[in-house]
């Protein structure tokens, strides 16, 4: 191979890599949105509305923000907010399962 062919091949591979990376970042965060919705639903079923309302509300706010950003095609920001929603929902779920709650139930 001559130098021109090597440069062309290198440029082609670089552009293909950039296109692949860009496609990954510009794809809608479908899985992250689903994960967040499911985590919120599980937290609600576990009683987070009563036992961990602050965490649950934060999760719902993050999810709402993610949905708005998704509609605006701001996929990176939507992905970030969806992940935050899931984490807050998991915090809410954890708070509903805290030992102090169980101990109070045992005393009754």
N, C-alpha and C. Protein backbone atom coordinates (compact mmCIF):
# COMPACT_ATOMS: atom_id res chain seq x y z
N UNK A 1 0.84 -1.18 0.00
CA UNK A 1 0.00 0.00 0.00
C UNK A 1 0.88 1.24 0.00
N UNK A 2 0.43 2.20 -0.77
CA UNK A 2 1.18 3.44 -0.76
C UNK A 2 0.62 4.38 0.31
N UNK A 3 1.29 5.49 0.53
CA UNK A 3 0.91 6.42 1.60
C UNK A 3 -0.50 6.98 1.40
N UNK A 4 -0.88 7.26 0.18
CA UNK A 4 -2.22 7.80 -0.08
C UNK A 4 -3.30 6.80 0.30
N UNK A 5 -3.08 5.53 0.00
CA UNK A 5 -4.05 4.48 0.34
C UNK A 5 -4.15 4.31 1.85
N UNK A 6 -3.03 4.39 2.53
CA UNK A 6 -3.02 4.26 3.99
C UNK A 6 -3.77 5.43 4.63
N UNK A 7 -3.51 6.64 4.11
CA UNK A 7 -4.22 7.81 4.64
C UNK A 7 -5.71 7.71 4.40
N UNK A 8 -6.09 7.24 3.23
CA UNK A 8 -7.51 7.09 2.91
C UNK A 8 -8.16 6.06 3.83
N UNK A 9 -7.49 4.95 4.04
CA UNK A 9 -8.00 3.90 4.93
C UNK A 9 -8.12 4.42 6.36
N UNK A 10 -7.11 5.12 6.83
CA UNK A 10 -7.13 5.68 8.18
C UNK A 10 -8.26 6.68 8.33
N UNK A 11 -8.44 7.54 7.36
CA UNK A 11 -9.51 8.53 7.40
C UNK A 11 -10.88 7.84 7.39
N UNK A 12 -11.03 6.83 6.58
CA UNK A 12 -12.29 6.08 6.50
C UNK A 12 -12.61 5.41 7.83
N UNK A 13 -11.62 4.77 8.44
CA UNK A 13 -11.83 4.13 9.73
C UNK A 13 -12.15 5.14 10.83
N UNK A 14 -11.48 6.27 10.80
CA UNK A 14 -11.74 7.32 11.78
C UNK A 14 -13.17 7.84 11.65
N UNK A 15 -13.59 8.11 10.42
CA UNK A 15 -14.95 8.60 10.20
C UNK A 15 -15.99 7.55 10.58
N UNK A 16 -15.72 6.30 10.30
CA UNK A 16 -16.65 5.24 10.66
C UNK A 16 -16.77 5.13 12.18
N UNK A 17 -15.65 5.25 12.88
CA UNK A 17 -15.66 5.21 14.34
C UNK A 17 -16.44 6.38 14.91
N UNK A 18 -16.21 7.58 14.37
CA UNK A 18 -16.94 8.76 14.83
C UNK A 18 -18.43 8.62 14.57
N UNK A 19 -18.79 8.08 13.43
CA UNK A 19 -20.21 7.88 13.10
C UNK A 19 -20.84 6.90 14.08
N UNK A 20 -20.13 5.84 14.41
CA UNK A 20 -20.64 4.84 15.35
C UNK A 20 -20.85 5.46 16.73
N UNK A 21 -19.84 6.19 17.21
CA UNK A 21 -19.93 6.82 18.52
C UNK A 21 -21.05 7.86 18.54
N UNK A 22 -21.18 8.62 17.49
CA UNK A 22 -22.24 9.62 17.41
C UNK A 22 -23.61 8.96 17.40
N UNK A 23 -23.74 7.87 16.70
CA UNK A 23 -25.02 7.15 16.65
C UNK A 23 -25.40 6.65 18.03
N UNK A 24 -24.43 6.19 18.79
CA UNK A 24 -24.72 5.70 20.14
C UNK A 24 -25.21 6.83 21.03
N UNK A 25 -24.63 7.99 20.90
CA UNK A 25 -24.99 9.12 21.74
C UNK A 25 -26.28 9.78 21.28
N UNK A 26 -26.62 9.66 20.02
CA UNK A 26 -27.82 10.33 19.53
C UNK A 26 -29.04 9.42 19.51
N UNK A 27 -28.87 8.19 19.94
CA UNK A 27 -30.01 7.28 20.01
C UNK A 27 -30.83 7.61 21.25
N UNK A 28 -32.14 7.56 21.15
CA UNK A 28 -32.98 7.84 22.31
C UNK A 28 -32.70 6.85 23.44
N UNK A 29 -32.73 7.31 24.68
CA UNK A 29 -32.42 6.45 25.82
C UNK A 29 -33.62 5.59 26.23
N UNK A 30 -34.04 4.72 25.35
CA UNK A 30 -35.23 3.91 25.57
C UNK A 30 -35.09 3.03 26.80
N UNK A 31 -33.97 2.33 26.92
CA UNK A 31 -33.78 1.42 28.05
C UNK A 31 -33.72 2.18 29.37
N UNK A 32 -33.02 3.30 29.39
CA UNK A 32 -32.90 4.07 30.62
C UNK A 32 -34.25 4.62 31.06
N UNK A 33 -35.06 5.05 30.10
CA UNK A 33 -36.40 5.56 30.43
C UNK A 33 -37.25 4.43 31.02
N UNK A 34 -37.18 3.27 30.40
CA UNK A 34 -37.94 2.12 30.89
C UNK A 34 -37.49 1.71 32.28
N UNK A 35 -36.18 1.68 32.50
CA UNK A 35 -35.64 1.32 33.81
C UNK A 35 -36.14 2.29 34.89
N UNK A 36 -36.14 3.58 34.57
CA UNK A 36 -36.58 4.59 35.53
C UNK A 36 -38.07 4.41 35.85
N UNK A 37 -38.88 4.21 34.83
CA UNK A 37 -40.32 4.02 35.06
C UNK A 37 -40.59 2.79 35.91
N UNK A 38 -39.88 1.71 35.62
CA UNK A 38 -40.08 0.48 36.39
C UNK A 38 -39.63 0.65 37.84
N UNK A 39 -38.51 1.33 38.05
CA UNK A 39 -38.02 1.54 39.41
C UNK A 39 -39.00 2.39 40.21
N UNK A 40 -39.56 3.40 39.57
CA UNK A 40 -40.55 4.24 40.25
C UNK A 40 -41.80 3.43 40.59
N UNK A 41 -42.25 2.60 39.67
CA UNK A 41 -43.43 1.77 39.92
C UNK A 41 -43.20 0.81 41.09
N UNK A 42 -42.02 0.20 41.14
CA UNK A 42 -41.71 -0.73 42.22
C UNK A 42 -41.65 0.02 43.56
N UNK A 43 -41.05 1.21 43.55
CA UNK A 43 -40.96 2.00 44.79
C UNK A 43 -42.37 2.36 45.28
N UNK A 44 -43.24 2.74 44.36
CA UNK A 44 -44.62 3.08 44.75
C UNK A 44 -45.32 1.87 45.34
N UNK A 45 -45.15 0.71 44.71
CA UNK A 45 -45.77 -0.52 45.21
C UNK A 45 -45.27 -0.89 46.60
N UNK A 46 -44.03 -0.51 46.90
CA UNK A 46 -43.44 -0.82 48.20
C UNK A 46 -43.83 0.19 49.27
N UNK A 47 -44.60 1.19 48.89
CA UNK A 47 -45.05 2.18 49.87
C UNK A 47 -44.19 3.42 49.98
N UNK A 48 -43.43 3.71 48.97
CA UNK A 48 -42.54 4.87 49.02
C UNK A 48 -43.30 6.20 49.10
N UNK A 49 -44.52 6.24 48.62
CA UNK A 49 -45.29 7.49 48.69
C UNK A 49 -45.49 7.91 50.15
N UNK A 50 -45.59 6.94 51.05
CA UNK A 50 -45.77 7.24 52.46
C UNK A 50 -44.45 7.26 53.22
N UNK A 51 -43.57 6.34 52.91
CA UNK A 51 -42.35 6.16 53.71
C UNK A 51 -41.13 6.90 53.17
N UNK A 52 -41.15 7.27 51.90
CA UNK A 52 -39.97 7.93 51.30
C UNK A 52 -40.42 8.93 50.23
N UNK A 53 -41.36 9.77 50.62
CA UNK A 53 -41.98 10.69 49.66
C UNK A 53 -40.98 11.63 49.00
N UNK A 54 -39.98 12.06 49.73
CA UNK A 54 -39.00 13.00 49.18
C UNK A 54 -38.22 12.35 48.05
N UNK A 55 -37.74 11.13 48.28
CA UNK A 55 -36.98 10.42 47.25
C UNK A 55 -37.86 10.10 46.04
N UNK A 56 -39.08 9.68 46.31
CA UNK A 56 -39.99 9.34 45.22
C UNK A 56 -40.31 10.56 44.38
N UNK A 57 -40.58 11.69 45.04
CA UNK A 57 -40.88 12.93 44.30
C UNK A 57 -39.68 13.34 43.44
N UNK A 58 -38.48 13.21 43.98
CA UNK A 58 -37.27 13.55 43.21
C UNK A 58 -37.16 12.65 41.99
N UNK A 59 -37.45 11.37 42.15
CA UNK A 59 -37.41 10.44 41.02
C UNK A 59 -38.41 10.86 39.95
N UNK A 60 -39.60 11.22 40.38
CA UNK A 60 -40.63 11.64 39.42
C UNK A 60 -40.27 12.93 38.70
N UNK A 61 -39.63 13.84 39.42
CA UNK A 61 -39.18 15.11 38.81
C UNK A 61 -38.10 14.83 37.77
N UNK A 62 -37.15 13.97 38.11
CA UNK A 62 -36.10 13.61 37.14
C UNK A 62 -36.69 12.92 35.92
N UNK A 63 -37.65 12.04 36.13
CA UNK A 63 -38.27 11.35 35.01
C UNK A 63 -39.02 12.33 34.12
N UNK A 64 -39.73 13.26 34.71
CA UNK A 64 -40.45 14.28 33.93
C UNK A 64 -39.47 15.11 33.11
N UNK A 65 -38.35 15.47 33.73
CA UNK A 65 -37.32 16.22 33.01
C UNK A 65 -36.75 15.40 31.86
N UNK A 66 -36.52 14.12 32.11
CA UNK A 66 -36.00 13.24 31.05
C UNK A 66 -36.98 13.15 29.89
N UNK A 67 -38.27 13.06 30.21
CA UNK A 67 -39.28 12.98 29.15
C UNK A 67 -39.31 14.25 28.31
N UNK A 68 -39.19 15.40 28.95
CA UNK A 68 -39.16 16.68 28.22
C UNK A 68 -37.93 16.74 27.30
N UNK A 69 -36.80 16.34 27.85
CA UNK A 69 -35.56 16.38 27.06
C UNK A 69 -35.60 15.36 25.93
N UNK A 70 -36.24 14.24 26.17
CA UNK A 70 -36.41 13.23 25.12
C UNK A 70 -37.25 13.81 23.98
N UNK A 71 -38.32 14.49 24.33
CA UNK A 71 -39.18 15.12 23.32
C UNK A 71 -38.45 16.21 22.54
N UNK A 72 -37.48 16.86 23.19
CA UNK A 72 -36.68 17.90 22.54
C UNK A 72 -35.46 17.32 21.83
N UNK A 73 -35.36 15.99 21.81
CA UNK A 73 -34.24 15.28 21.19
C UNK A 73 -32.88 15.59 21.83
N UNK A 74 -32.91 15.92 23.10
CA UNK A 74 -31.68 16.12 23.87
C UNK A 74 -31.38 14.81 24.58
N UNK A 75 -30.95 13.84 23.79
CA UNK A 75 -30.86 12.47 24.27
C UNK A 75 -29.83 12.26 25.37
N UNK A 76 -28.73 12.94 25.30
CA UNK A 76 -27.70 12.77 26.32
C UNK A 76 -28.22 13.25 27.68
N UNK A 77 -28.84 14.43 27.68
CA UNK A 77 -29.40 14.97 28.91
C UNK A 77 -30.57 14.12 29.40
N UNK A 78 -31.38 13.61 28.48
CA UNK A 78 -32.50 12.74 28.85
C UNK A 78 -31.98 11.47 29.49
N UNK A 79 -30.92 10.91 28.94
CA UNK A 79 -30.32 9.69 29.50
C UNK A 79 -29.82 9.94 30.92
N UNK A 80 -29.15 11.07 31.10
CA UNK A 80 -28.63 11.41 32.43
C UNK A 80 -29.77 11.54 33.44
N UNK A 81 -30.84 12.25 33.07
CA UNK A 81 -31.95 12.44 33.99
C UNK A 81 -32.70 11.14 34.25
N UNK A 82 -32.81 10.30 33.25
CA UNK A 82 -33.47 9.00 33.45
C UNK A 82 -32.67 8.14 34.44
N UNK A 83 -31.35 8.18 34.33
CA UNK A 83 -30.51 7.43 35.27
C UNK A 83 -30.66 7.99 36.68
N UNK A 84 -30.75 9.31 36.80
CA UNK A 84 -30.96 9.93 38.11
C UNK A 84 -32.32 9.54 38.68
N UNK A 85 -33.33 9.49 37.82
CA UNK A 85 -34.67 9.08 38.27
C UNK A 85 -34.64 7.67 38.82
N UNK A 86 -33.95 6.80 38.13
CA UNK A 86 -33.84 5.41 38.60
C UNK A 86 -33.13 5.35 39.95
N UNK A 87 -32.04 6.10 40.09
CA UNK A 87 -31.29 6.08 41.34
C UNK A 87 -32.14 6.61 42.51
N UNK A 88 -32.89 7.68 42.27
CA UNK A 88 -33.75 8.23 43.32
C UNK A 88 -34.86 7.26 43.67
N UNK A 89 -35.40 6.58 42.67
CA UNK A 89 -36.44 5.58 42.93
C UNK A 89 -35.87 4.43 43.75
N UNK A 90 -34.65 4.03 43.45
CA UNK A 90 -34.01 2.97 44.24
C UNK A 90 -33.73 3.44 45.67
N UNK A 91 -33.39 4.73 45.83
CA UNK A 91 -33.22 5.29 47.17
C UNK A 91 -34.54 5.23 47.94
N UNK A 92 -35.63 5.56 47.23
CA UNK A 92 -36.95 5.50 47.86
C UNK A 92 -37.29 4.07 48.27
N UNK A 93 -37.00 3.13 47.39
CA UNK A 93 -37.27 1.73 47.69
C UNK A 93 -36.46 1.27 48.90
N UNK A 94 -35.20 1.66 48.92
CA UNK A 94 -34.33 1.29 50.05
C UNK A 94 -34.86 1.88 51.35
N UNK A 95 -35.36 3.10 51.29
CA UNK A 95 -35.89 3.75 52.49
C UNK A 95 -37.14 3.03 53.00
N UNK A 96 -37.90 2.44 52.11
CA UNK A 96 -39.09 1.70 52.56
C UNK A 96 -38.71 0.39 53.22
N UNK A 97 -37.52 -0.09 52.96
CA UNK A 97 -37.06 -1.36 53.52
C UNK A 97 -36.09 -1.18 54.67
N UNK A 98 -35.99 0.03 55.20
CA UNK A 98 -35.00 0.29 56.25
C UNK A 98 -35.34 -0.49 57.52
N UNK A 99 -34.32 -0.90 58.26
CA UNK A 99 -34.54 -1.70 59.48
C UNK A 99 -35.37 -0.97 60.52
N UNK A 100 -35.26 0.34 60.60
CA UNK A 100 -36.01 1.09 61.61
C UNK A 100 -37.51 0.93 61.39
N UNK A 101 -37.94 0.85 60.14
CA UNK A 101 -39.35 0.64 59.84
C UNK A 101 -39.78 -0.76 60.28
N UNK A 102 -38.93 -1.75 60.01
CA UNK A 102 -39.25 -3.12 60.38
C UNK A 102 -39.31 -3.27 61.90
N UNK A 103 -38.40 -2.62 62.59
CA UNK A 103 -38.37 -2.71 64.05
C UNK A 103 -39.63 -2.11 64.64
N UNK A 104 -40.10 -1.01 64.08
CA UNK A 104 -41.33 -0.40 64.57
C UNK A 104 -42.51 -1.34 64.34
N UNK A 105 -42.53 -2.03 63.22
CA UNK A 105 -43.61 -2.96 62.94
C UNK A 105 -43.58 -4.14 63.90
N UNK A 106 -42.39 -4.59 64.27
CA UNK A 106 -42.25 -5.72 65.19
C UNK A 106 -42.74 -5.37 66.59
N UNK A 107 -42.60 -4.09 66.98
CA UNK A 107 -43.01 -3.66 68.31
C UNK A 107 -44.52 -3.60 68.44
N UNK A 108 -45.23 -3.54 67.36
CA UNK A 108 -46.69 -3.38 67.40
C UNK A 108 -47.41 -4.65 67.67
